[in-house]
Amino acid sequence: MSALDYTANNLQGKPVDLKQYLGKVVLVVNTASNCGFTPQYKGLEAVYQQFKDKGVEVLGFPCNQFGHQEPGSAGEIGAFCEKNYGVTFPMFDKINVNGSDAHPLFQHLKSKAPGLLGSESIKWNFTKFLIKKDGTVFKRYAPQTAPQELIRDIEQLLAE
C-alpha cells in the first residue's frame, strides 16, 4: 500500500483522493495555528512556490492534539493560513495523527518512517514526511527542521 492510497477531506469538507498526487514528490505536514513552529507556514509556502511547477505538492493537515494549538474550525484555519502566511498549498480538515482514531494516512506514514528510537508516535506539530513520486515514504523530519532544510532531499527525489 502507498502513502497516497488514502482519502482526506479538504477544509471545505470534500473528500480528496490522494492518488491524484502520484507522480509528484509530496511533503505532508501536521500543522497548527498557535504553535511556536507556526511561522514554518511561510517556509512551507516558499518551498511550494519554488517547486510546485516542477512536480512537488505540500499538503497541510491541521491537528489539535498537541497543546490544543489548533482549536479553530476549518474556515478559521483556512482564513488564518491565508491571511497570516499567504498559504496557497492544499490544506485539509483537522485530523488526529496519534491514537486509535489517527487518520489512516498518518498511521501509514508513522509505520513506514518511525521517529527517534523507532517510536511511531508524532511528538509535536510540524512533523514532516517526504513521499516519493511512487507513493513510498522517503523520510520523516522533526518539527524543528525548517522547510528549507528539505530542499536537497526534494531535489534528489525530483531527479529520480
C-alpha atoms as a PDB file:
ATOM      1  CA  MET A   1       0.000   0.000   0.000  1.00  0.00           C
ATOM      2  CA  SER A   2       1.207   3.509  -0.875  1.00  0.00           C
ATOM      3  CA  ALA A   3       1.036   6.670   1.238  1.00  0.00           C
ATOM      4  CA  LEU A   4      -1.194   8.070  -1.498  1.00  0.00           C
ATOM      5  CA  ASP A   5      -3.804   5.282  -1.327  1.00  0.00           C
ATOM      6  CA  TYR A   6      -5.911   7.316   1.095  1.00  0.00           C
ATOM      7  CA  THR A   7      -8.616   9.939   1.026  1.00  0.00           C
ATOM      8  CA  ALA A   8      -8.756  13.019   3.244  1.00  0.00           C
ATOM      9  CA  ASN A   9     -11.298  15.826   3.496  1.00  0.00           C
ATOM     10  CA  ASN A  10     -10.188  19.294   2.447  1.00  0.00           C
ATOM     11  CA  LEU A  11     -11.071  22.387   4.502  1.00  0.00           C
ATOM     12  CA  GLN A  12     -14.403  22.565   2.675  1.00  0.00           C
ATOM     13  CA  GLY A  13     -15.221  19.032   3.903  1.00  0.00           C
ATOM     14  CA  LYS A  14     -14.932  17.469   0.440  1.00  0.00           C
ATOM     15  CA  PRO A  15     -13.051  14.171   0.093  1.00  0.00           C
ATOM     16  CA  VAL A  16      -9.764  14.377  -1.808  1.00  0.00           C
ATOM     17  CA  ASP A  17      -8.276  11.213  -3.309  1.00  0.00           C
ATOM     18  CA  LEU A  18      -4.562  11.475  -2.586  1.00  0.00           C
ATOM     19  CA  LYS A  19      -3.838   9.221  -5.591  1.00  0.00           C
ATOM     20  CA  GLN A  20      -4.034  12.401  -7.681  1.00  0.00           C
ATOM     21  CA  TYR A  21      -0.570  13.237  -6.299  1.00  0.00           C
ATOM     22  CA  LEU A  22       1.070  10.059  -7.649  1.00  0.00           C
ATOM     23  CA  GLY A  23       3.980  11.056  -9.882  1.00  0.00           C
ATOM     24  CA  LYS A  24       4.780  14.041  -7.662  1.00  0.00           C
ATOM     25  CA  VAL A  25       7.063  14.475  -4.679  1.00  0.00           C
ATOM     26  CA  VAL A  26       4.735  15.145  -1.748  1.00  0.00           C
ATOM     27  CA  LEU A  27       5.533  16.840   1.556  1.00  0.00           C
ATOM     28  CA  VAL A  28       2.936  16.065   4.251  1.00  0.00           C
ATOM     29  CA  VAL A  29       2.932  18.188   7.420  1.00  0.00           C
ATOM     30  CA  ASN A  30       0.755  18.185  10.534  1.00  0.00           C
ATOM     31  CA  THR A  31       0.145  21.850  11.287  1.00  0.00           C
ATOM     32  CA  ALA A  32      -1.258  24.148  13.973  1.00  0.00           C
ATOM     33  CA  SER A  33      -2.098  27.844  14.074  1.00  0.00           C
ATOM     34  CA  ASN A  34      -0.983  28.601  17.649  1.00  0.00           C
ATOM     35  CA  CYS A  35       2.364  26.821  17.817  1.00  0.00           C
ATOM     36  CA  GLY A  36       5.934  28.071  18.180  1.00  0.00           C
ATOM     37  CA  PHE A  37       6.586  26.420  14.810  1.00  0.00           C
ATOM     38  CA  THR A  38       3.596  28.112  13.112  1.00  0.00           C
ATOM     39  CA  PRO A  39       5.914  30.547  11.245  1.00  0.00           C
ATOM     40  CA  GLN A  40       7.046  27.472   9.271  1.00  0.00           C
ATOM     41  CA  TYR A  41       3.916  28.036   7.172  1.00  0.00           C
ATOM     42  CA  LYS A  42       5.952  30.768   5.466  1.00  0.00           C
ATOM     43  CA  GLY A  43       8.798  28.341   4.706  1.00  0.00           C
ATOM     44  CA  LEU A  44       6.388  25.635   3.547  1.00  0.00           C
ATOM     45  CA  GLU A  45       4.754  28.115   1.178  1.00  0.00           C
ATOM     46  CA  ALA A  46       8.193  29.182  -0.114  1.00  0.00           C
ATOM     47  CA  VAL A  47       9.110  25.546  -0.839  1.00  0.00           C
ATOM     48  CA  TYR A  48       5.732  25.057  -2.528  1.00  0.00           C
ATOM     49  CA  GLN A  49       6.199  28.153  -4.710  1.00  0.00           C
ATOM     50  CA  GLN A  50       9.746  27.119  -5.630  1.00  0.00           C
ATOM     51  CA  PHE A  51       8.821  23.568  -6.645  1.00  0.00           C
ATOM     52  CA  LYS A  52       5.103  23.361  -7.462  1.00  0.00           C
ATOM     53  CA  ASP A  53       5.720  23.706 -11.197  1.00  0.00           C
ATOM     54  CA  LYS A  54       8.424  21.014 -11.008  1.00  0.00           C
ATOM     55  CA  GLY A  55       6.148  18.335  -9.534  1.00  0.00           C
ATOM     56  CA  VAL A  56       6.064  18.965  -5.771  1.00  0.00           C
ATOM     57  CA  GLU A  57       2.981  19.192  -3.561  1.00  0.00           C
ATOM     58  CA  VAL A  58       2.824  20.376   0.039  1.00  0.00           C
ATOM     59  CA  LEU A  59      -0.175  19.070   1.995  1.00  0.00           C
ATOM     60  CA  GLY A  60      -1.086  20.586   5.366  1.00  0.00           C
ATOM     61  CA  PHE A  61      -3.054  18.612   7.942  1.00  0.00           C
ATOM     62  CA  PRO A  62      -4.166  20.686  10.953  1.00  0.00           C
ATOM     63  CA  CYS A  63      -4.078  18.807  14.248  1.00  0.00           C
ATOM     64  CA  ASN A  64      -5.243  19.843  17.737  1.00  0.00           C
ATOM     65  CA  GLN A  65      -3.554  17.005  19.653  1.00  0.00           C
ATOM     66  CA  PHE A  66      -0.536  18.973  20.874  1.00  0.00           C
ATOM     67  CA  GLY A  67      -1.277  21.615  23.483  1.00  0.00           C
ATOM     68  CA  HIS A  68      -4.668  22.326  21.840  1.00  0.00           C
ATOM     69  CA  GLN A  69      -2.823  24.626  19.437  1.00  0.00           C
ATOM     70  CA  GLU A  70      -5.330  24.217  16.594  1.00  0.00           C
ATOM     71  CA  PRO A  71      -8.719  24.965  18.193  1.00  0.00           C
ATOM     72  CA  GLY A  72     -10.294  26.682  15.180  1.00  0.00           C
ATOM     73  CA  SER A  73     -12.882  25.484  12.708  1.00  0.00           C
ATOM     74  CA  ALA A  74     -11.916  24.563   9.150  1.00  0.00           C
ATOM     75  CA  GLY A  75     -12.939  28.036   7.966  1.00  0.00           C
ATOM     76  CA  GLU A  76     -10.920  29.741  10.687  1.00  0.00           C
ATOM     77  CA  ILE A  77      -7.866  27.596   9.921  1.00  0.00           C
ATOM     78  CA  GLY A  78      -8.050  28.404   6.207  1.00  0.00           C
ATOM     79  CA  ALA A  79      -8.501  32.129   6.814  1.00  0.00           C
ATOM     80  CA  PHE A  80      -5.628  32.196   9.318  1.00  0.00           C
ATOM     81  CA  CYS A  81      -3.212  30.422   6.960  1.00  0.00           C
ATOM     82  CA  GLU A  82      -4.099  32.596   4.001  1.00  0.00           C
ATOM     83  CA  LYS A  83      -4.150  35.919   5.866  1.00  0.00           C
ATOM     84  CA  ASN A  84      -1.030  35.433   8.004  1.00  0.00           C
ATOM     85  CA  TYR A  85       1.186  33.303   5.780  1.00  0.00           C
ATOM     86  CA  GLY A  86      -0.233  33.524   2.254  1.00  0.00           C
ATOM     87  CA  VAL A  87      -0.711  29.753   2.153  1.00  0.00           C
ATOM     88  CA  THR A  88      -1.813  28.514  -1.259  1.00  0.00           C
ATOM     89  CA  PHE A  89      -0.861  24.831  -0.913  1.00  0.00           C
ATOM     90  CA  PRO A  90      -3.693  22.372  -0.144  1.00  0.00           C
ATOM     91  CA  MET A  91      -4.896  22.346   3.456  1.00  0.00           C
ATOM     92  CA  PHE A  92      -7.066  19.570   4.827  1.00  0.00           C
ATOM     93  CA  ASP A  93      -9.635  19.230   7.561  1.00  0.00           C
ATOM     94  CA  LYS A  94      -8.427  18.874  11.132  1.00  0.00           C
ATOM     95  CA  ILE A  95      -7.345  15.311  11.951  1.00  0.00           C
ATOM     96  CA  ASN A  96      -5.689  13.289  14.684  1.00  0.00           C
ATOM     97  CA  VAL A  97      -2.194  11.982  13.999  1.00  0.00           C
ATOM     98  CA  ASN A  98      -1.815   9.791  17.098  1.00  0.00           C
ATOM     99  CA  GLY A  99      -4.065   7.358  18.940  1.00  0.00           C
ATOM    100  CA  SER A 100      -6.673   4.867  17.823  1.00  0.00           C
ATOM    101  CA  ASP A 101      -8.520   7.488  15.763  1.00  0.00           C
ATOM    102  CA  ALA A 102      -5.405   8.744  13.936  1.00  0.00           C
ATOM    103  CA  HIS A 103      -6.046   9.378  10.250  1.00  0.00           C
ATOM    104  CA  PRO A 104      -5.078   6.292   8.185  1.00  0.00           C
ATOM    105  CA  LEU A 105      -2.595   8.375   6.163  1.00  0.00           C
ATOM    106  CA  PHE A 106      -0.682   9.236   9.329  1.00  0.00           C
ATOM    107  CA  GLN A 107      -0.885   5.660  10.607  1.00  0.00           C
ATOM    108  CA  HIS A 108       0.807   4.646   7.346  1.00  0.00           C
ATOM    109  CA  LEU A 109       3.410   7.432   7.418  1.00  0.00           C
ATOM    110  CA  LYS A 110       4.394   6.681  11.018  1.00  0.00           C
ATOM    111  CA  SER A 111       4.752   2.947  10.377  1.00  0.00           C
ATOM    112  CA  LYS A 112       6.940   3.489   7.283  1.00  0.00           C
ATOM    113  CA  ALA A 113       9.103   6.258   8.775  1.00  0.00           C
ATOM    114  CA  PRO A 114       9.334   5.888  12.541  1.00  0.00           C
ATOM    115  CA  GLY A 115      10.843   8.655  14.596  1.00  0.00           C
ATOM    116  CA  LEU A 116      13.629   8.730  17.143  1.00  0.00           C
ATOM    117  CA  LEU A 117      14.443   5.315  18.639  1.00  0.00           C
ATOM    118  CA  GLY A 118      11.840   3.704  16.406  1.00  0.00           C
ATOM    119  CA  SER A 119       8.907   5.492  18.022  1.00  0.00           C
ATOM    120  CA  GLU A 120       5.929   5.722  15.709  1.00  0.00           C
ATOM    121  CA  SER A 121       4.077   8.436  17.585  1.00  0.00           C
ATOM    122  CA  ILE A 122       4.325  12.011  16.406  1.00  0.00           C
ATOM    123  CA  LYS A 123       5.776  14.209  19.131  1.00  0.00           C
ATOM    124  CA  TRP A 124       4.576  17.664  18.071  1.00  0.00           C
ATOM    125  CA  ASN A 125       3.128  19.913  15.349  1.00  0.00           C
ATOM    126  CA  PHE A 126       5.017  20.424  12.086  1.00  0.00           C
ATOM    127  CA  THR A 127       6.396  16.895  11.843  1.00  0.00           C
ATOM    128  CA  LYS A 128       7.083  16.453   8.131  1.00  0.00           C
ATOM    129  CA  PHE A 129       7.050  13.420   5.839  1.00  0.00           C
ATOM    130  CA  LEU A 130       8.516  13.404   2.339  1.00  0.00           C
ATOM    131  CA  ILE A 131       6.920  10.967  -0.099  1.00  0.00           C
ATOM    132  CA  LYS A 132       8.496   9.762  -3.351  1.00  0.00           C
ATOM    133  CA  LYS A 133       6.750  10.017  -6.722  1.00  0.00           C
ATOM    134  CA  ASP A 134       5.649   6.364  -6.460  1.00  0.00           C
ATOM    135  CA  GLY A 135       3.934   6.975  -3.111  1.00  0.00           C
ATOM    136  CA  THR A 136       6.576   5.343  -0.902  1.00  0.00           C
ATOM    137  CA  VAL A 137       7.636   7.211   2.217  1.00  0.00           C
ATOM    138  CA  PHE A 138      11.151   8.625   1.902  1.00  0.00           C
ATOM    139  CA  LYS A 139      11.814  10.245   5.283  1.00  0.00           C
ATOM    140  CA  ARG A 140      10.393  11.820   8.450  1.00  0.00           C
ATOM    141  CA  TYR A 141      11.634  15.203   9.671  1.00  0.00           C
ATOM    142  CA  ALA A 142      11.392  16.657  13.164  1.00  0.00           C
ATOM    143  CA  PRO A 143       9.216  19.699  13.894  1.00  0.00           C
ATOM    144  CA  GLN A 144      12.273  21.906  14.352  1.00  0.00           C
ATOM    145  CA  THR A 145      13.576  21.028  10.878  1.00  0.00           C
ATOM    146  CA  ALA A 146      12.925  24.121   8.773  1.00  0.00           C
ATOM    147  CA  PRO A 147      11.207  23.515   5.413  1.00  0.00           C
ATOM    148  CA  GLN A 148      14.223  24.980   3.577  1.00  0.00           C
ATOM    149  CA  GLU A 149      16.359  22.166   5.034  1.00  0.00           C
ATOM    150  CA  LEU A 150      14.365  19.674   2.927  1.00  0.00           C
ATOM    151  CA  ILE A 151      15.294  21.264  -0.411  1.00  0.00           C
ATOM    152  CA  ARG A 152      18.257  18.967  -1.096  1.00  0.00           C
ATOM    153  CA  ASP A 153      16.098  15.867  -0.472  1.00  0.00           C
ATOM    154  CA  ILE A 154      13.268  17.296  -2.607  1.00  0.00           C
ATOM    155  CA  GLU A 155      15.675  17.943  -5.480  1.00  0.00           C
ATOM    156  CA  GLN A 156      17.071  14.422  -5.129  1.00  0.00           C
ATOM    157  CA  LEU A 157      13.575  12.889  -5.310  1.00  0.00           C
ATOM    158  CA  LEU A 158      12.621  15.047  -8.297  1.00  0.00           C
ATOM    159  CA  ALA A 159      15.698  13.751 -10.128  1.00  0.00           C
ATOM    160  CA  GLU A 160      14.763  10.081  -9.533  1.00  0.00           C
END
